[in-house]
Amino acid sequence: MLESLKVGDKVITIGGIYGVIRDIKGEVFTLEISKDIKINTTRNAIGSKREK
């Protein structure tokens, strides 16, 4: 599942943070968690992909 993630996917981190992938650079994902609020996390911190 982690290898199939792409920009625009909705995900939940293992810490319970909901976000949308806005950028991927290697193992670092940029998630938008609210309007204009973005955080960086590692690929391994993604717990699951939310269905649309």
C-alpha atoms as a PDB file:
ATOM      1  CA  MET A   1       0.000   0.000   0.000  1.00  0.00           C
ATOM      2  CA  LEU A   2       2.775   2.440   0.883  1.00  0.00           C
ATOM      3  CA  GLU A   3       4.410   2.106  -2.533  1.00  0.00           C
ATOM      4  CA  SER A   4       1.145   2.883  -4.346  1.00  0.00           C
ATOM      5  CA  LEU A   5       0.513   6.226  -2.608  1.00  0.00           C
ATOM      6  CA  LYS A   6       0.445   9.304  -4.821  1.00  0.00           C
ATOM      7  CA  VAL A   7      -0.232  13.037  -4.619  1.00  0.00           C
ATOM      8  CA  GLY A   8      -3.907  13.684  -3.894  1.00  0.00           C
ATOM      9  CA  ASP A   9      -4.490  10.507  -1.882  1.00  0.00           C
ATOM     10  CA  LYS A  10      -6.296  10.903   1.429  1.00  0.00           C
ATOM     11  CA  VAL A  11      -4.455   9.148   4.259  1.00  0.00           C
ATOM     12  CA  ILE A  12      -4.391   8.636   8.020  1.00  0.00           C
ATOM     13  CA  THR A  13      -1.044   8.545   9.826  1.00  0.00           C
ATOM     14  CA  ILE A  14      -0.267   5.974  12.500  1.00  0.00           C
ATOM     15  CA  GLY A  15      -0.666   8.827  14.982  1.00  0.00           C
ATOM     16  CA  GLY A  16      -4.252   9.436  13.831  1.00  0.00           C
ATOM     17  CA  ILE A  17      -3.697  12.568  11.734  1.00  0.00           C
ATOM     18  CA  TYR A  18      -5.962  12.861   8.688  1.00  0.00           C
ATOM     19  CA  GLY A  19      -4.487  14.546   5.632  1.00  0.00           C
ATOM     20  CA  VAL A  20      -4.097  14.736   1.879  1.00  0.00           C
ATOM     21  CA  ILE A  21      -0.744  14.057   0.240  1.00  0.00           C
ATOM     22  CA  ARG A  22       0.410  17.273  -1.469  1.00  0.00           C
ATOM     23  CA  ASP A  23       4.039  16.342  -2.296  1.00  0.00           C
ATOM     24  CA  ILE A  24       6.316  13.315  -2.218  1.00  0.00           C
ATOM     25  CA  LYS A  25      10.098  13.605  -2.176  1.00  0.00           C
ATOM     26  CA  GLY A  26      11.692  10.214  -1.614  1.00  0.00           C
ATOM     27  CA  GLU A  27      10.591   9.014   1.816  1.00  0.00           C
ATOM     28  CA  VAL A  28       9.180  12.401   2.898  1.00  0.00           C
ATOM     29  CA  PHE A  29       5.501  13.132   2.374  1.00  0.00           C
ATOM     30  CA  THR A  30       3.959  16.586   2.717  1.00  0.00           C
ATOM     31  CA  LEU A  31       0.428  16.289   4.074  1.00  0.00           C
ATOM     32  CA  GLU A  32      -2.130  19.061   4.077  1.00  0.00           C
ATOM     33  CA  ILE A  33      -4.049  18.584   7.313  1.00  0.00           C
ATOM     34  CA  SER A  34      -6.167  21.737   7.112  1.00  0.00           C
ATOM     35  CA  LYS A  35      -6.525  24.661   4.731  1.00  0.00           C
ATOM     36  CA  ASP A  36      -3.003  26.027   4.197  1.00  0.00           C
ATOM     37  CA  ILE A  37      -1.534  23.897   7.023  1.00  0.00           C
ATOM     38  CA  LYS A  38       1.024  21.320   5.902  1.00  0.00           C
ATOM     39  CA  ILE A  39       3.277  18.913   7.759  1.00  0.00           C
ATOM     40  CA  ASN A  40       6.080  16.621   6.663  1.00  0.00           C
ATOM     41  CA  THR A  41       6.123  12.964   7.627  1.00  0.00           C
ATOM     42  CA  THR A  42       7.910   9.806   6.542  1.00  0.00           C
ATOM     43  CA  ARG A  43       6.395   7.165   4.300  1.00  0.00           C
ATOM     44  CA  ASN A  44       6.401   4.670   7.199  1.00  0.00           C
ATOM     45  CA  ALA A  45       4.247   7.016   9.315  1.00  0.00           C
ATOM     46  CA  ILE A  46       1.275   6.495   6.967  1.00  0.00           C
ATOM     47  CA  GLY A  47      -1.102   4.025   8.569  1.00  0.00           C
ATOM     48  CA  SER A  48      -3.817   3.678   5.934  1.00  0.00           C
ATOM     49  CA  LYS A  49      -5.346   5.175   2.830  1.00  0.00           C
ATOM     50  CA  ARG A  50      -8.858   6.584   3.163  1.00  0.00           C
ATOM     51  CA  GLU A  51     -11.375   5.651   0.520  1.00  0.00           C
ATOM     52  CA  LYS A  52     -12.867   8.470  -1.541  1.00  0.00           C
END
